[in-house]
PDB file of N, CA and C in Angstrom:
ATOM      1  N   UNK A   1      55.413   8.010  27.833  1.00  0.00           N
ATOM      2  CA  UNK A   1      55.210   6.673  27.312  1.00  0.00           C
ATOM      3  C   UNK A   1      54.414   6.729  25.999  1.00  0.00           C
ATOM      4  N   UNK A   2      53.446   7.645  25.921  1.00  0.00           N
ATOM      5  CA  UNK A   2      52.666   7.755  24.690  1.00  0.00           C
ATOM      6  C   UNK A   2      53.530   8.215  23.522  1.00  0.00           C
ATOM      7  N   UNK A   3      54.417   9.147  23.780  1.00  0.00           N
ATOM      8  CA  UNK A   3      55.311   9.618  22.719  1.00  0.00           C
ATOM      9  C   UNK A   3      56.243   8.488  22.295  1.00  0.00           C
ATOM     10  N   UNK A   4      56.737   7.712  23.241  1.00  0.00           N
ATOM     11  CA  UNK A   4      57.584   6.561  22.908  1.00  0.00           C
ATOM     12  C   UNK A   4      56.818   5.556  22.056  1.00  0.00           C
ATOM     13  N   UNK A   5      55.544   5.332  22.390  1.00  0.00           N
ATOM     14  CA  UNK A   5      54.720   4.431  21.585  1.00  0.00           C
ATOM     15  C   UNK A   5      54.574   4.993  20.171  1.00  0.00           C
ATOM     16  N   UNK A   6      54.354   6.302  20.064  1.00  0.00           N
ATOM     17  CA  UNK A   6      54.248   6.939  18.749  1.00  0.00           C
ATOM     18  C   UNK A   6      55.521   6.792  17.943  1.00  0.00           C
ATOM     19  N   UNK A   7      56.659   6.902  18.602  1.00  0.00           N
ATOM     20  CA  UNK A   7      57.949   6.715  17.914  1.00  0.00           C
ATOM     21  C   UNK A   7      58.102   5.290  17.400  1.00  0.00           C
ATOM     22  N   UNK A   8      57.643   4.329  18.193  1.00  0.00           N
ATOM     23  CA  UNK A   8      57.717   2.928  17.769  1.00  0.00           C
ATOM     24  C   UNK A   8      56.715   2.648  16.643  1.00  0.00           C
ATOM     25  N   UNK A   9      55.552   3.289  16.710  1.00  0.00           N
ATOM     26  CA  UNK A   9      54.496   3.065  15.723  1.00  0.00           C
ATOM     27  C   UNK A   9      54.833   3.691  14.379  1.00  0.00           C
ATOM     28  N   UNK A  10      55.425   4.893  14.386  1.00  0.00           N
ATOM     29  CA  UNK A  10      55.796   5.611  13.177  1.00  0.00           C
ATOM     30  C   UNK A  10      57.297   5.935  13.214  1.00  0.00           C
ATOM     31  N   UNK A  11      58.170   4.923  13.102  1.00  0.00           N
ATOM     32  CA  UNK A  11      59.606   5.174  13.248  1.00  0.00           C
ATOM     33  C   UNK A  11      60.191   6.087  12.160  1.00  0.00           C
ATOM     34  N   UNK A  12      59.621   6.074  10.968  1.00  0.00           N
ATOM     35  CA  UNK A  12      60.135   6.907   9.887  1.00  0.00           C
ATOM     36  C   UNK A  12      59.784   8.387  10.070  1.00  0.00           C
ATOM     37  N   UNK A  13      58.666   8.654  10.752  1.00  0.00           N
ATOM     38  CA  UNK A  13      58.195  10.026  10.967  1.00  0.00           C
ATOM     39  C   UNK A  13      57.493  10.104  12.324  1.00  0.00           C
ATOM     40  N   UNK A  14      58.247  10.016  13.420  1.00  0.00           N
ATOM     41  CA  UNK A  14      57.625   9.967  14.744  1.00  0.00           C
ATOM     42  C   UNK A  14      56.930  11.275  15.120  1.00  0.00           C
ATOM     43  N   UNK A  15      55.830  11.175  15.868  1.00  0.00           N
ATOM     44  CA  UNK A  15      55.170  12.390  16.352  1.00  0.00           C
ATOM     45  C   UNK A  15      56.073  13.108  17.357  1.00  0.00           C
ATOM     46  N   UNK A  16      56.028  14.435  17.324  1.00  0.00           N
ATOM     47  CA  UNK A  16      56.903  15.218  18.192  1.00  0.00           C
ATOM     48  C   UNK A  16      56.266  15.591  19.516  1.00  0.00           C
ATOM     49  N   UNK A  17      54.970  15.361  19.649  1.00  0.00           N
ATOM     50  CA  UNK A  17      54.286  15.698  20.888  1.00  0.00           C
ATOM     51  C   UNK A  17      52.932  15.021  20.946  1.00  0.00           C
ATOM     52  N   UNK A  18      52.254  15.223  22.059  1.00  0.00           N
ATOM     53  CA  UNK A  18      50.951  14.579  22.254  1.00  0.00           C
ATOM     54  C   UNK A  18      49.918  15.134  21.280  1.00  0.00           C
ATOM     55  N   UNK A  19      49.994  16.425  20.966  1.00  0.00           N
ATOM     56  CA  UNK A  19      49.042  17.008  20.015  1.00  0.00           C
ATOM     57  C   UNK A  19      49.186  16.362  18.641  1.00  0.00           C
ATOM     58  N   UNK A  20      50.405  16.148  18.211  1.00  0.00           N
ATOM     59  CA  UNK A  20      50.627  15.498  16.916  1.00  0.00           C
ATOM     60  C   UNK A  20      50.183  14.040  16.962  1.00  0.00           C
ATOM     61  N   UNK A  21      50.407  13.382  18.069  1.00  0.00           N
ATOM     62  CA  UNK A  21      49.953  12.004  18.236  1.00  0.00           C
ATOM     63  C   UNK A  21      48.432  11.947  18.147  1.00  0.00           C
ATOM     64  N   UNK A  22      47.749  12.869  18.804  1.00  0.00           N
ATOM     65  CA  UNK A  22      46.287  12.922  18.755  1.00  0.00           C
ATOM     66  C   UNK A  22      45.805  13.124  17.326  1.00  0.00           C
ATOM     67  N   UNK A  23      46.492  13.967  16.593  1.00  0.00           N
ATOM     68  CA  UNK A  23      46.132  14.225  15.207  1.00  0.00           C
ATOM     69  C   UNK A  23      46.273  12.967  14.350  1.00  0.00           C
ATOM     70  N   UNK A  24      47.316  12.206  14.580  1.00  0.00           N
ATOM     71  CA  UNK A  24      47.532  10.985  13.797  1.00  0.00           C
ATOM     72  C   UNK A  24      46.508   9.904  14.131  1.00  0.00           C
ATOM     73  N   UNK A  25      46.103   9.841  15.378  1.00  0.00           N
ATOM     74  CA  UNK A  25      45.112   8.837  15.759  1.00  0.00           C
ATOM     75  C   UNK A  25      43.726   9.219  15.252  1.00  0.00           C
ATOM     76  N   UNK A  26      43.486  10.516  15.035  1.00  0.00           N
ATOM     77  CA  UNK A  26      42.267  11.026  14.425  1.00  0.00           C
ATOM     78  C   UNK A  26      41.005  10.405  15.014  1.00  0.00           C
ATOM     79  N   UNK A  27      40.818  10.602  16.316  1.00  0.00           N
ATOM     80  CA  UNK A  27      39.670  10.054  17.028  1.00  0.00           C
ATOM     81  C   UNK A  27      39.018  11.185  17.818  1.00  0.00           C
ATOM     82  N   UNK A  28      37.749  11.458  17.548  1.00  0.00           N
ATOM     83  CA  UNK A  28      37.039  12.581  18.202  1.00  0.00           C
ATOM     84  C   UNK A  28      37.000  12.475  19.714  1.00  0.00           C
ATOM     85  N   UNK A  29      36.867  11.264  20.236  1.00  0.00           N
ATOM     86  CA  UNK A  29      36.792  11.090  21.688  1.00  0.00           C
ATOM     87  C   UNK A  29      38.172  11.088  22.335  1.00  0.00           C
ATOM     88  N   UNK A  30      39.142  10.532  21.658  1.00  0.00           N
ATOM     89  CA  UNK A  30      40.479  10.400  22.221  1.00  0.00           C
ATOM     90  C   UNK A  30      41.261  11.708  22.187  1.00  0.00           C
ATOM     91  N   UNK A  31      41.070  12.499  21.170  1.00  0.00           N
ATOM     92  CA  UNK A  31      41.826  13.736  21.014  1.00  0.00           C
ATOM     93  C   UNK A  31      41.679  14.682  22.211  1.00  0.00           C
ATOM     94  N   UNK A  32      40.455  14.955  22.711  1.00  0.00           N
ATOM     95  CA  UNK A  32      40.345  15.831  23.893  1.00  0.00           C
ATOM     96  C   UNK A  32      41.007  15.224  25.137  1.00  0.00           C
ATOM     97  N   UNK A  33      40.970  13.905  25.248  1.00  0.00           N
ATOM     98  CA  UNK A  33      41.595  13.254  26.406  1.00  0.00           C
ATOM     99  C   UNK A  33      43.111  13.410  26.344  1.00  0.00           C
ATOM    100  N   UNK A  34      43.683  13.275  25.169  1.00  0.00           N
ATOM    101  CA  UNK A  34      45.130  13.463  25.017  1.00  0.00           C
ATOM    102  C   UNK A  34      45.501  14.930  25.247  1.00  0.00           C
ATOM    103  N   UNK A  35      44.661  15.833  24.802  1.00  0.00           N
ATOM    104  CA  UNK A  35      44.894  17.260  25.048  1.00  0.00           C
ATOM    105  C   UNK A  35      44.870  17.551  26.548  1.00  0.00           C
ATOM    106  N   UNK A  36      43.987  16.890  27.275  1.00  0.00           N
ATOM    107  CA  UNK A  36      43.920  17.069  28.733  1.00  0.00           C
ATOM    108  C   UNK A  36      45.217  16.609  29.392  1.00  0.00           C
ATOM    109  N   UNK A  37      45.786  15.517  28.909  1.00  0.00           N
ATOM    110  CA  UNK A  37      47.072  15.062  29.465  1.00  0.00           C
ATOM    111  C   UNK A  37      48.139  16.114  29.191  1.00  0.00           C
ATOM    112  N   UNK A  38      48.172  16.611  27.972  1.00  0.00           N
ATOM    113  CA  UNK A  38      49.167  17.611  27.608  1.00  0.00           C
ATOM    114  C   UNK A  38      49.046  18.841  28.496  1.00  0.00           C
ATOM    115  N   UNK A  39      47.819  19.282  28.756  1.00  0.00           N
ATOM    116  CA  UNK A  39      47.605  20.439  29.647  1.00  0.00           C
ATOM    117  C   UNK A  39      48.058  20.131  31.063  1.00  0.00           C
ATOM    118  N   UNK A  40      47.747  18.937  31.519  1.00  0.00           N
ATOM    119  CA  UNK A  40      48.096  18.547  32.888  1.00  0.00           C
ATOM    120  C   UNK A  40      49.601  18.549  33.105  1.00  0.00           C
ATOM    121  N   UNK A  41      50.339  18.146  32.090  1.00  0.00           N
ATOM    122  CA  UNK A  41      51.799  18.110  32.202  1.00  0.00           C
ATOM    123  C   UNK A  41      52.354  19.496  32.507  1.00  0.00           C
ATOM    124  N   UNK A  42      51.771  20.516  31.864  1.00  0.00           N
ATOM    125  CA  UNK A  42      52.308  21.869  31.995  1.00  0.00           C
ATOM    126  C   UNK A  42      51.495  22.778  32.910  1.00  0.00           C
ATOM    127  N   UNK A  43      50.404  22.274  33.461  1.00  0.00           N
ATOM    128  CA  UNK A  43      49.537  23.085  34.319  1.00  0.00           C
ATOM    129  C   UNK A  43      49.996  23.024  35.779  1.00  0.00           C
ATOM    130  N   UNK A  44      49.435  23.880  36.615  1.00  0.00           N
ATOM    131  CA  UNK A  44      49.741  23.798  38.045  1.00  0.00           C
ATOM    132  C   UNK A  44      49.354  22.427  38.607  1.00  0.00           C
ATOM    133  N   UNK A  45      49.868  22.125  39.748  1.00  0.00           N
ATOM    134  CA  UNK A  45      49.662  20.802  40.358  1.00  0.00           C
ATOM    135  C   UNK A  45      48.194  20.459  40.586  1.00  0.00           C
ATOM    136  N   UNK A  46      47.299  21.413  40.564  1.00  0.00           N
ATOM    137  CA  UNK A  46      45.888  21.124  40.833  1.00  0.00           C
ATOM    138  C   UNK A  46      45.164  20.509  39.626  1.00  0.00           C
ATOM    139  N   UNK A  47      45.764  20.569  38.443  1.00  0.00           N
ATOM    140  CA  UNK A  47      45.135  19.996  37.245  1.00  0.00           C
ATOM    141  C   UNK A  47      45.113  18.475  37.349  1.00  0.00           C
ATOM    142  N   UNK A  48      44.027  17.881  36.864  1.00  0.00           N
ATOM    143  CA  UNK A  48      43.888  16.423  36.920  1.00  0.00           C
ATOM    144  C   UNK A  48      43.400  15.887  35.590  1.00  0.00           C
ATOM    145  N   UNK A  49      43.613  14.591  35.361  1.00  0.00           N
ATOM    146  CA  UNK A  49      43.049  13.915  34.208  1.00  0.00           C
ATOM    147  C   UNK A  49      42.641  12.525  34.655  1.00  0.00           C
ATOM    148  N   UNK A  50      41.703  11.921  33.930  1.00  0.00           N
ATOM    149  CA  UNK A  50      41.128  10.637  34.300  1.00  0.00           C
ATOM    150  C   UNK A  50      41.870   9.509  33.592  1.00  0.00           C
ATOM    151  N   UNK A  51      42.876   8.967  34.259  1.00  0.00           N
ATOM    152  CA  UNK A  51      43.705   7.911  33.688  1.00  0.00           C
ATOM    153  C   UNK A  51      42.935   6.670  33.273  1.00  0.00           C
ATOM    154  N   UNK A  52      42.074   6.109  34.135  1.00  0.00           N
ATOM    155  CA  UNK A  52      41.324   4.912  33.733  1.00  0.00           C
ATOM    156  C   UNK A  52      40.428   5.137  32.511  1.00  0.00           C
ATOM    157  N   UNK A  53      39.804   6.305  32.419  1.00  0.00           N
ATOM    158  CA  UNK A  53      38.949   6.585  31.260  1.00  0.00           C
ATOM    159  C   UNK A  53      39.793   6.706  29.995  1.00  0.00           C
ATOM    160  N   UNK A  54      40.957   7.352  30.103  1.00  0.00           N
ATOM    161  CA  UNK A  54      41.837   7.467  28.944  1.00  0.00           C
ATOM    162  C   UNK A  54      42.312   6.086  28.499  1.00  0.00           C
ATOM    163  N   UNK A  55      42.700   5.264  29.451  1.00  0.00           N
ATOM    164  CA  UNK A  55      43.182   3.927  29.104  1.00  0.00           C
ATOM    165  C   UNK A  55      42.097   3.136  28.372  1.00  0.00           C
ATOM    166  N   UNK A  56      40.869   3.268  28.817  1.00  0.00           N
ATOM    167  CA  UNK A  56      39.756   2.564  28.181  1.00  0.00           C
ATOM    168  C   UNK A  56      39.611   2.970  26.711  1.00  0.00           C
ATOM    169  N   UNK A  57      39.836   4.245  26.422  1.00  0.00           N
ATOM    170  CA  UNK A  57      39.759   4.726  25.045  1.00  0.00           C
ATOM    171  C   UNK A  57      41.007   4.373  24.238  1.00  0.00           C
ATOM    172  N   UNK A  58      42.155   4.394  24.896  1.00  0.00           N
ATOM    173  CA  UNK A  58      43.428   4.240  24.208  1.00  0.00           C
ATOM    174  C   UNK A  58      43.819   2.787  23.965  1.00  0.00           C
ATOM    175  N   UNK A  59      43.495   1.914  24.870  1.00  0.00           N
ATOM    176  CA  UNK A  59      43.946   0.521  24.786  1.00  0.00           C
ATOM    177  C   UNK A  59      43.650  -0.145  23.441  1.00  0.00           C
ATOM    178  N   UNK A  60      42.449  -0.015  22.880  1.00  0.00           N
ATOM    179  CA  UNK A  60      42.203  -0.665  21.589  1.00  0.00           C
ATOM    180  C   UNK A  60      43.055  -0.113  20.447  1.00  0.00           C
ATOM    181  N   UNK A  61      43.589   1.101  20.614  1.00  0.00           N
ATOM    182  CA  UNK A  61      44.385   1.728  19.564  1.00  0.00           C
ATOM    183  C   UNK A  61      45.845   1.317  19.594  1.00  0.00           C
ATOM    184  N   UNK A  62      46.281   0.616  20.626  1.00  0.00           N
ATOM    185  CA  UNK A  62      47.700   0.326  20.795  1.00  0.00           C
ATOM    186  C   UNK A  62      48.193  -0.880  20.025  1.00  0.00           C
ATOM    187  N   UNK A  63      47.347  -1.504  19.220  1.00  0.00           N
ATOM    188  CA  UNK A  63      47.760  -2.633  18.397  1.00  0.00           C
ATOM    189  C   UNK A  63      48.697  -2.182  17.293  1.00  0.00           C
ATOM    190  N   UNK A  64      49.273  -3.124  16.581  1.00  0.00           N
ATOM    191  CA  UNK A  64      50.215  -2.807  15.509  1.00  0.00           C
ATOM    192  C   UNK A  64      49.521  -2.491  14.202  1.00  0.00           C
ATOM    193  N   UNK A  65      48.197  -2.577  14.145  1.00  0.00           N
ATOM    194  CA  UNK A  65      47.469  -2.336  12.902  1.00  0.00           C
ATOM    195  C   UNK A  65      47.007  -0.890  12.766  1.00  0.00           C
ATOM    196  N   UNK A  66      47.553   0.016  13.561  1.00  0.00           N
ATOM    197  CA  UNK A  66      47.217   1.424  13.445  1.00  0.00           C
ATOM    198  C   UNK A  66      45.905   1.810  14.089  1.00  0.00           C
ATOM    199  N   UNK A  67      45.343   0.925  14.890  1.00  0.00           N
ATOM    200  CA  UNK A  67      44.130   1.271  15.593  1.00  0.00           C
ATOM    201  C   UNK A  67      42.871   0.799  14.918  1.00  0.00           C
ATOM    202  N   UNK A  68      42.974   0.074  13.812  1.00  0.00           N
ATOM    203  CA  UNK A  68      41.780  -0.412  13.130  1.00  0.00           C
ATOM    204  C   UNK A  68      41.103  -1.518  13.921  1.00  0.00           C
ATOM    205  N   UNK A  69      41.772  -2.037  14.897  1.00  0.00           N
ATOM    206  CA  UNK A  69      41.238  -3.101  15.732  1.00  0.00           C
ATOM    207  C   UNK A  69      42.366  -3.632  16.587  1.00  0.00           C
ATOM    208  N   UNK A  70      42.042  -4.484  17.489  1.00  0.00           N
ATOM    209  CA  UNK A  70      43.113  -5.030  18.305  1.00  0.00           C
ATOM    210  C   UNK A  70      43.744  -6.198  17.575  1.00  0.00           C
ATOM    211  N   UNK A  71      45.027  -6.355  17.754  1.00  0.00           N
ATOM    212  CA  UNK A  71      45.704  -7.488  17.138  1.00  0.00           C
ATOM    213  C   UNK A  71      46.462  -8.232  18.212  1.00  0.00           C
ATOM    214  N   UNK A  72      46.325  -9.503  18.195  1.00  0.00           N
ATOM    215  CA  UNK A  72      47.018 -10.328  19.168  1.00  0.00           C
ATOM    216  C   UNK A  72      48.085 -11.115  18.422  1.00  0.00           C
ATOM    217  N   UNK A  73      49.326 -10.707  18.583  1.00  0.00           N
ATOM    218  CA  UNK A  73      50.423 -11.382  17.923  1.00  0.00           C
ATOM    219  C   UNK A  73      50.706 -12.699  18.636  1.00  0.00           C
ATOM    220  N   UNK A  74      51.148 -13.667  17.865  1.00  0.00           N
ATOM    221  CA  UNK A  74      51.509 -14.954  18.454  1.00  0.00           C
ATOM    222  C   UNK A  74      52.740 -14.759  19.328  1.00  0.00           C
ATOM    223  N   UNK A  75      52.723 -15.367  20.477  1.00  0.00           N
ATOM    224  CA  UNK A  75      53.845 -15.252  21.395  1.00  0.00           C
ATOM    225  C   UNK A  75      55.012 -16.101  20.904  1.00  0.00           C
ATOM    226  N   UNK A  76      56.235 -15.568  21.000  1.00  0.00           N
ATOM    227  CA  UNK A  76      57.392 -16.369  20.604  1.00  0.00           C
ATOM    228  C   UNK A  76      57.717 -17.458  21.627  1.00  0.00           C
ATOM    229  N   UNK A  77      57.068 -17.388  22.787  1.00  0.00           N
ATOM    230  CA  UNK A  77      57.310 -18.379  23.829  1.00  0.00           C
ATOM    231  C   UNK A  77      56.318 -19.534  23.711  1.00  0.00           C
ATOM    232  N   UNK A  78      56.766 -20.748  23.984  1.00  0.00           N
ATOM    233  CA  UNK A  78      55.827 -21.875  23.955  1.00  0.00           C
ATOM    234  C   UNK A  78      54.853 -21.774  25.126  1.00  0.00           C
ATOM    235  N   UNK A  79      53.699 -22.392  24.987  1.00  0.00           N
ATOM    236  CA  UNK A  79      52.702 -22.405  26.061  1.00  0.00           C
ATOM    237  C   UNK A  79      53.277 -23.061  27.302  1.00  0.00           C
ATOM    238  N   UNK A  80      52.938 -22.530  28.451  1.00  0.00           N
ATOM    239  CA  UNK A  80      53.400 -23.097  29.713  1.00  0.00           C
ATOM    240  C   UNK A  80      52.728 -24.447  29.954  1.00  0.00           C
ATOM    241  N   UNK A  81      51.440 -24.506  29.671  1.00  0.00           N
ATOM    242  CA  UNK A  81      50.671 -25.741  29.815  1.00  0.00           C
ATOM    243  C   UNK A  81      50.031 -26.072  28.475  1.00  0.00           C
ATOM    244  N   UNK A  82      50.761 -26.731  27.581  1.00  0.00           N
ATOM    245  CA  UNK A  82      50.201 -27.013  26.263  1.00  0.00           C
ATOM    246  C   UNK A  82      48.953 -27.886  26.339  1.00  0.00           C
ATOM    247  N   UNK A  83      48.029 -27.628  25.430  1.00  0.00           N
ATOM    248  CA  UNK A  83      46.820 -28.442  25.369  1.00  0.00           C
ATOM    249  C   UNK A  83      47.155 -29.828  24.830  1.00  0.00           C
ATOM    250  N   UNK A  84      46.507 -30.815  25.385  1.00  0.00           N
ATOM    251  CA  UNK A  84      46.722 -32.174  24.890  1.00  0.00           C
ATOM    252  C   UNK A  84      45.473 -32.599  24.129  1.00  0.00           C
ATOM    253  N   UNK A  85      45.659 -33.134  22.969  1.00  0.00           N
ATOM    254  CA  UNK A  85      44.523 -33.502  22.153  1.00  0.00           C
ATOM    255  C   UNK A  85      44.279 -34.911  22.077  1.00  0.00           C
TER     256      UNK A  85
END
């Protein structure tokens, strides 16, 4: 899923793996966590990684602004319960 996100984020030059994705995100705390996922994928079944901790670090980076902050795009759907003024 992370590689797919990288492909969507950089469609002209998508990252080819998690290591390249980590390099593009250029975050000291996130890079070792992504490396741990990469190791876990290819390691014996006893290897583990902390999914909730990774998500906490990664979630703010998943915006469309390249990770400079979170961005909340306007929904194309109308509000279910519109405010009345």
